[in-house]
Amino acid sequence: MGRQPPVVSDEALAVHRASIVVDLHADTPSLLRLGYDIGKRHTPPLPRAALGVHVDLPRMREGGQCGQMFGLVSLPLRKGPAEVIHRQITLVESAARSHPGELRVVRTAEEVEDAWRAGVRAALLSIEGAHALEGRLENVEEFARRGVRSLGLLHFSANAAGSPAHGRGANPEQALTGFGKDLVTELDRLRILVDLAHINRKGFLEAALLTKKPPIVSHTGVSGVHPHWRNIDDEQIRAVAAKGGCIGIIFAPRFLGRAGALGVVEHLLHVLRVGGEDTPALGSDFDGLVTPPHDLRDPRYLPGLTEALLRRGLEPRIVTKILGGNFLRVLREVGP
């Protein structure tokens, strides 16, 4: 069973149970490719829950988490990244079929809410990096037909859309390319969320200005708390907030600048101060290359994050918005 999360107060538990908790990013589909059964309870094989095996349905249920946006990852160096993404979508769909009444692939805010009322976990699909499109805008529509609701313009390497904040081909002076601008327009047309995680600052601000829909940053820290190449600054926060978007805070101490769930809280509070109460959200990066905080090591620990936010004096309604309400509003505004 592994280490158990601490008991939280009745107040925190009540707020948590009344909230539709949604995490904007986990890389669990990469585990599904290895035969991982999301329907079974798992214990991470490495100390401190390092490097994955964070998400499964029993632990999501125990932690009161309804929705999970699953990142679909492909390597830009191999041929056929689009097919790799299609195979991962099929794996998520297969997992939902294998666990009827427990997992449901959804597209809309209303479907997430329906899943919550039914006690079912809701899976949303997100692509990391426009290299998965293989330079073809028509691939966006194909992915949209398969239920993809979000696309990150960059991941860890430059692609036809622009430059990453860090990684192969990173260039801080690189603007969005013509393809990148066309891609943002196409994502808007198809009502797919523009995800600004991993993109360089110049491209980030250009894309935030260009999109007509609320953008998201699915998983990031903020440099106003801890300066780091992975984190976004106050101007970037305001650019997302100005378009009505939301920002998911990552659960990775190396980007947060301190250990423990309080690091996540400090970054959420900074987004709240700079971008307003409609902007902060959760973006764990579970099952990615992160070692999460010891007291936020998997979804079972999420009620403890609710308690930590309440202890900082936040009203329950604002905590509910952070836990998932802000993202659901964005999803609703972008449309089905």
Protein backbone atom coordinates (compact mmCIF):
# COMPACT_ATOMS: atom_id res chain seq x y z
CA MET A 1 0.00 0.00 0.00
CA GLY A 2 2.89 2.39 0.64
CA ARG A 3 2.86 5.49 2.79
CA GLN A 4 -0.63 6.74 3.61
CA PRO A 5 -1.65 10.42 3.34
CA PRO A 6 -2.43 12.22 6.59
CA VAL A 7 -5.99 12.78 7.79
CA VAL A 8 -7.31 16.25 6.94
CA SER A 9 -9.81 18.42 8.77
CA ASP A 10 -13.55 18.05 8.30
CA GLU A 11 -13.66 21.52 6.71
CA ALA A 12 -11.01 20.66 4.13
CA LEU A 13 -12.66 17.34 3.37
CA ALA A 14 -16.03 19.04 2.85
CA VAL A 15 -14.54 21.63 0.46
CA HIS A 16 -12.63 18.95 -1.40
CA ARG A 17 -15.68 16.70 -1.81
CA ALA A 18 -17.74 19.65 -3.07
CA SER A 19 -15.11 20.48 -5.71
CA ILE A 20 -14.66 18.92 -9.15
CA VAL A 21 -10.93 18.28 -8.91
CA VAL A 22 -9.14 18.30 -12.26
CA ASP A 23 -5.41 18.01 -12.92
CA LEU A 24 -4.23 19.57 -16.19
CA HIS A 25 -1.30 17.26 -16.89
CA ALA A 26 -0.11 13.68 -16.29
CA ASP A 27 1.97 11.53 -18.61
CA THR A 28 0.26 8.25 -17.72
CA PRO A 29 -0.36 7.22 -21.38
CA SER A 30 3.38 6.62 -21.65
CA LEU A 31 2.96 3.96 -18.97
CA LEU A 32 -0.05 2.47 -20.75
CA ARG A 33 2.27 1.79 -23.69
CA LEU A 34 4.23 -0.49 -21.33
CA GLY A 35 1.18 -2.47 -20.23
CA TYR A 36 0.33 -0.42 -17.13
CA ASP A 37 -3.15 -1.21 -15.80
CA ILE A 38 -4.63 2.08 -14.64
CA GLY A 39 -7.44 0.18 -12.94
CA LYS A 40 -5.15 -1.37 -10.34
CA ARG A 41 -3.58 0.29 -7.33
CA HIS A 42 0.16 0.72 -7.76
CA THR A 43 3.11 1.55 -5.53
CA PRO A 44 5.93 3.55 -7.16
CA PRO A 45 9.01 1.32 -7.46
CA LEU A 46 11.50 4.07 -6.57
CA PRO A 47 11.90 5.92 -3.24
CA ARG A 48 10.02 9.22 -2.88
CA ALA A 49 7.71 8.23 -5.76
CA ALA A 50 10.41 9.29 -8.19
CA LEU A 51 9.88 9.11 -11.94
CA GLY A 52 6.33 7.93 -12.20
CA VAL A 53 3.67 5.36 -11.31
CA HIS A 54 1.67 8.12 -9.63
CA VAL A 55 -1.77 7.86 -11.24
CA ASP A 56 -4.30 5.04 -11.15
CA LEU A 57 -8.07 4.89 -10.69
CA PRO A 58 -8.07 3.64 -7.06
CA ARG A 59 -5.76 6.45 -5.93
CA MET A 60 -7.69 9.07 -7.94
CA ARG A 61 -10.89 7.88 -6.32
CA GLU A 62 -9.36 7.90 -2.84
CA GLY A 63 -8.04 11.44 -3.37
CA GLY A 64 -11.34 12.76 -4.66
CA GLN A 65 -9.94 13.55 -8.10
CA CYS A 66 -12.48 13.48 -10.91
CA GLY A 67 -10.67 14.71 -14.01
CA GLN A 68 -7.23 14.08 -15.48
CA MET A 69 -5.87 15.61 -18.65
CA PHE A 70 -3.52 12.98 -20.05
CA GLY A 71 -0.49 14.16 -22.00
CA LEU A 72 0.19 12.28 -25.23
CA VAL A 73 3.94 12.27 -25.90
CA SER A 74 5.95 11.42 -29.00
CA LEU A 75 9.62 11.81 -29.80
CA PRO A 76 10.45 14.23 -32.62
CA LEU A 77 13.45 12.14 -33.66
CA ARG A 78 11.52 9.06 -34.70
CA LYS A 79 9.42 8.66 -37.80
CA GLY A 80 5.66 8.75 -37.49
CA PRO A 81 5.03 10.75 -34.27
CA ALA A 82 1.39 11.23 -35.35
CA GLU A 83 0.89 7.47 -35.34
CA VAL A 84 2.47 7.26 -31.89
CA ILE A 85 -0.15 9.74 -30.64
CA HIS A 86 -2.97 7.80 -32.29
CA ARG A 87 -1.79 4.62 -30.56
CA GLN A 88 -1.81 6.35 -27.18
CA ILE A 89 -5.35 7.64 -27.77
CA THR A 90 -6.38 4.08 -28.54
CA LEU A 91 -4.78 2.91 -25.29
CA VAL A 92 -6.70 5.47 -23.23
CA GLU A 93 -9.92 4.50 -25.00
CA SER A 94 -9.16 0.84 -24.33
CA ALA A 95 -8.53 1.56 -20.65
CA ALA A 96 -11.94 3.25 -20.43
CA ARG A 97 -13.61 0.24 -22.09
CA SER A 98 -11.78 -2.12 -19.72
CA HIS A 99 -13.04 -0.19 -16.69
CA PRO A 100 -16.66 0.74 -17.45
CA GLY A 101 -18.22 2.82 -14.72
CA GLU A 102 -14.77 3.82 -13.51
CA LEU A 103 -13.11 5.74 -16.37
CA ARG A 104 -14.70 7.78 -19.15
CA VAL A 105 -13.04 9.66 -22.02
CA VAL A 106 -14.65 13.11 -22.19
CA ARG A 107 -14.43 16.28 -24.26
CA THR A 108 -16.56 18.95 -22.58
CA ALA A 109 -16.98 20.59 -19.20
CA GLU A 110 -20.49 19.21 -19.06
CA GLU A 111 -19.17 15.67 -19.58
CA VAL A 112 -16.66 16.17 -16.76
CA GLU A 113 -19.48 17.32 -14.51
CA ASP A 114 -21.63 14.34 -15.53
CA ALA A 115 -18.74 12.01 -14.71
CA TRP A 116 -18.29 13.67 -11.30
CA ARG A 117 -21.96 13.21 -10.47
CA ALA A 118 -21.72 9.55 -11.51
CA GLY A 119 -18.55 8.92 -9.49
CA VAL A 120 -16.53 8.20 -12.63
CA ARG A 121 -13.00 9.43 -13.41
CA ALA A 122 -12.91 11.68 -16.50
CA ALA A 123 -10.04 11.45 -18.98
CA LEU A 124 -9.19 14.36 -21.28
CA LEU A 125 -6.61 14.13 -24.07
CA SER A 126 -3.77 16.57 -24.71
CA ILE A 127 -0.86 16.45 -27.17
CA GLU A 128 2.59 17.62 -26.08
CA GLY A 129 4.38 19.33 -28.93
CA ALA A 130 3.32 20.33 -32.45
CA HIS A 131 5.99 18.03 -33.91
CA ALA A 132 3.27 15.36 -33.56
CA LEU A 133 1.47 17.05 -36.47
CA GLU A 134 4.38 16.25 -38.80
CA GLY A 135 4.06 19.70 -40.36
CA ARG A 136 0.48 19.10 -41.52
CA LEU A 137 -2.31 21.33 -40.21
CA GLU A 138 -4.88 18.79 -41.40
CA ASN A 139 -3.64 16.45 -38.68
CA VAL A 140 -5.17 18.83 -36.10
CA GLU A 141 -8.66 18.08 -37.37
CA GLU A 142 -7.94 14.36 -37.36
CA PHE A 143 -6.84 14.51 -33.73
CA ALA A 144 -9.87 16.64 -32.88
CA ARG A 145 -12.14 13.93 -34.26
CA ARG A 146 -10.50 11.51 -31.87
CA GLY A 147 -11.24 13.70 -28.87
CA VAL A 148 -8.03 15.70 -28.36
CA ARG A 149 -8.94 18.84 -26.41
CA SER A 150 -5.57 20.52 -25.95
CA LEU A 151 -2.32 20.87 -27.88
CA GLY A 152 0.98 22.17 -26.56
CA LEU A 153 2.80 24.12 -29.25
CA LEU A 154 6.24 23.02 -28.01
CA HIS A 155 7.81 20.34 -25.88
CA PHE A 156 11.57 19.84 -25.43
CA SER A 157 12.73 20.51 -28.99
CA ALA A 158 12.20 23.12 -31.69
CA ASN A 159 9.54 22.26 -34.22
CA ALA A 160 7.70 23.82 -37.14
CA ALA A 161 5.73 26.08 -34.77
CA GLY A 162 8.58 27.69 -32.83
CA SER A 163 11.17 27.25 -30.11
CA PRO A 164 11.03 25.63 -26.67
CA ALA A 165 11.95 27.41 -23.46
CA HIS A 166 14.66 24.80 -23.00
CA GLY A 167 15.93 21.86 -25.00
CA ARG A 168 17.13 21.00 -28.47
CA GLY A 169 17.09 24.04 -30.74
CA ALA A 170 16.00 26.44 -27.99
CA ASN A 171 16.33 30.08 -29.10
CA PRO A 172 14.96 32.89 -26.90
CA GLU A 173 14.76 35.20 -29.92
CA GLN A 174 12.71 32.79 -32.04
CA ALA A 175 9.20 34.05 -32.71
CA LEU A 176 6.25 31.91 -33.70
CA THR A 177 6.75 30.71 -37.25
CA GLY A 178 4.15 31.16 -39.96
CA PHE A 179 3.11 27.57 -39.31
CA GLY A 180 2.88 28.33 -35.61
CA LYS A 181 0.56 31.28 -36.20
CA ASP A 182 -1.58 29.24 -38.57
CA LEU A 183 -1.68 26.48 -35.96
CA VAL A 184 -3.01 28.80 -33.25
CA THR A 185 -5.72 29.96 -35.64
CA GLU A 186 -6.60 26.37 -36.52
CA LEU A 187 -6.76 25.35 -32.87
CA ASP A 188 -9.17 28.21 -32.24
CA ARG A 189 -11.31 27.15 -35.20
CA LEU A 190 -11.52 23.59 -33.96
CA ARG A 191 -12.06 24.67 -30.34
CA ILE A 192 -8.91 22.97 -29.09
CA LEU A 193 -7.14 24.56 -26.14
CA VAL A 194 -3.83 26.29 -26.91
CA ASP A 195 -1.36 25.03 -24.30
CA LEU A 196 1.60 27.36 -23.69
CA ALA A 197 3.66 25.02 -21.51
CA HIS A 198 7.28 24.60 -22.63
CA ILE A 199 7.28 27.33 -25.31
CA ASN A 200 9.87 30.11 -25.17
CA ARG A 201 8.82 33.47 -23.73
CA LYS A 202 8.63 35.31 -27.05
CA GLY A 203 6.47 32.65 -28.66
CA PHE A 204 4.37 32.40 -25.51
CA LEU A 205 3.43 36.07 -25.55
CA GLU A 206 2.77 36.03 -29.30
CA ALA A 207 0.49 33.00 -29.06
CA ALA A 208 -1.37 34.42 -26.04
CA LEU A 209 -2.03 37.60 -28.01
CA LEU A 210 -3.00 35.77 -31.20
CA THR A 211 -5.49 33.25 -29.82
CA LYS A 212 -9.12 34.32 -29.65
CA LYS A 213 -9.89 31.68 -27.02
CA PRO A 214 -8.70 31.34 -23.41
CA PRO A 215 -5.30 29.58 -23.43
CA ILE A 216 -3.88 27.35 -20.74
CA VAL A 217 -0.44 26.61 -19.35
CA SER A 218 -0.95 23.00 -18.36
CA HIS A 219 2.05 22.53 -16.06
CA THR A 220 4.51 25.18 -14.96
CA GLY A 221 5.99 27.06 -12.04
CA VAL A 222 6.28 30.85 -11.75
CA SER A 223 9.51 32.79 -11.66
CA GLY A 224 8.02 35.34 -9.27
CA VAL A 225 8.46 32.69 -6.58
CA HIS A 226 11.41 30.75 -7.97
CA PRO A 227 13.41 31.92 -11.00
CA HIS A 228 13.96 28.96 -13.33
CA TRP A 229 13.97 28.37 -17.09
CA ARG A 230 10.89 26.15 -16.67
CA ASN A 231 8.84 28.87 -14.99
CA ILE A 232 6.83 31.77 -16.42
CA ASP A 233 7.05 35.42 -15.34
CA ASP A 234 4.39 37.92 -14.28
CA GLU A 235 3.94 39.33 -17.78
CA GLN A 236 3.19 35.84 -19.05
CA ILE A 237 0.73 35.26 -16.20
CA ARG A 238 -1.06 38.51 -17.04
CA ALA A 239 -1.13 37.61 -20.75
CA VAL A 240 -2.96 34.36 -19.97
CA ALA A 241 -5.28 36.04 -17.46
CA ALA A 242 -6.15 38.79 -19.95
CA LYS A 243 -7.56 36.15 -22.30
CA GLY A 244 -9.46 34.39 -19.52
CA GLY A 245 -7.10 31.41 -19.43
CA CYS A 246 -5.73 29.38 -16.55
CA ILE A 247 -2.34 28.17 -15.35
CA GLY A 248 -1.68 24.73 -13.86
CA ILE A 249 1.04 24.63 -11.22
CA ILE A 250 3.43 21.71 -11.46
CA PHE A 251 4.17 19.42 -8.48
CA ALA A 252 7.94 19.36 -8.94
CA PRO A 253 10.12 20.76 -6.11
CA ARG A 254 13.07 21.40 -8.45
CA PHE A 255 10.91 23.96 -10.31
CA LEU A 256 9.07 25.18 -7.22
CA GLY A 257 12.22 26.00 -5.25
CA ARG A 258 11.18 24.25 -2.05
CA ALA A 259 10.09 20.83 -0.89
CA GLY A 260 6.59 19.93 0.18
CA ALA A 261 3.08 20.87 -0.88
CA LEU A 262 3.68 24.37 0.48
CA GLY A 263 5.83 24.99 -2.59
CA VAL A 264 2.81 24.31 -4.79
CA VAL A 265 0.73 26.59 -2.56
CA GLU A 266 3.21 29.48 -2.88
CA HIS A 267 3.15 29.28 -6.68
CA LEU A 268 -0.65 29.06 -6.75
CA LEU A 269 -0.90 32.11 -4.48
CA HIS A 270 1.45 34.07 -6.74
CA VAL A 271 -0.70 33.29 -9.79
CA LEU A 272 -3.73 34.33 -7.75
CA ARG A 273 -2.15 37.68 -6.81
CA VAL A 274 -0.91 38.48 -10.32
CA GLY A 275 -3.60 36.94 -12.51
CA GLY A 276 -6.66 36.99 -10.28
CA GLU A 277 -8.83 34.25 -8.83
CA ASP A 278 -9.88 32.90 -12.24
CA THR A 279 -6.33 31.95 -13.25
CA PRO A 280 -4.68 29.34 -10.94
CA ALA A 281 -5.19 25.62 -11.48
CA LEU A 282 -3.46 22.28 -10.86
CA GLY A 283 -0.94 20.80 -13.31
CA SER A 284 0.92 18.06 -11.45
CA ASP A 285 3.01 16.46 -14.23
CA PHE A 286 2.46 13.14 -12.46
CA ASP A 287 4.00 10.19 -14.30
CA GLY A 288 6.39 12.57 -16.02
CA LEU A 289 10.06 12.95 -15.19
CA VAL A 290 9.35 14.50 -11.80
CA THR A 291 9.79 13.55 -8.18
CA PRO A 292 6.70 15.04 -6.51
CA PRO A 293 6.62 16.53 -3.01
CA HIS A 294 6.66 13.93 -0.24
CA ASP A 295 3.25 15.17 0.93
CA LEU A 296 1.77 15.38 -2.57
CA ARG A 297 3.17 12.22 -4.08
CA ASP A 298 0.02 10.93 -5.79
CA PRO A 299 -3.70 11.84 -6.07
CA ARG A 300 -4.49 10.45 -2.62
CA TYR A 301 -2.73 13.49 -1.13
CA LEU A 302 -4.85 16.13 -2.90
CA PRO A 303 -7.15 16.75 0.10
CA GLY A 304 -4.03 17.85 1.98
CA LEU A 305 -3.43 20.50 -0.69
CA THR A 306 -6.99 21.72 -0.17
CA GLU A 307 -6.32 22.02 3.54
CA ALA A 308 -3.05 23.89 2.94
CA LEU A 309 -4.85 26.43 0.73
CA LEU A 310 -7.59 26.94 3.32
CA ARG A 311 -4.98 27.45 6.03
CA ARG A 312 -3.56 30.32 4.00
CA GLY A 313 -6.88 32.08 4.42
CA LEU A 314 -8.42 31.42 1.01
CA GLU A 315 -12.20 31.31 0.82
CA PRO A 316 -13.62 27.87 0.02
CA ARG A 317 -15.10 29.17 -3.27
CA ILE A 318 -11.63 30.25 -4.45
CA VAL A 319 -10.11 26.92 -3.44
CA THR A 320 -12.84 25.18 -5.45
CA LYS A 321 -11.92 27.31 -8.48
CA ILE A 322 -8.25 26.38 -8.12
CA LEU A 323 -9.02 22.67 -7.75
CA GLY A 324 -10.85 22.50 -11.06
CA GLY A 325 -13.44 25.23 -11.45
CA ASN A 326 -11.16 27.56 -13.38
CA PHE A 327 -10.22 24.90 -15.89
CA LEU A 328 -13.82 23.82 -16.38
CA ARG A 329 -14.77 27.44 -17.09
CA VAL A 330 -12.02 27.66 -19.72
CA LEU A 331 -13.09 24.36 -21.27
CA ARG A 332 -16.68 25.59 -21.41
CA GLU A 333 -15.70 28.93 -22.97
CA VAL A 334 -13.54 27.30 -25.64
CA GLY A 335 -16.52 25.13 -26.48
CA PRO A 336 -17.19 21.53 -27.50
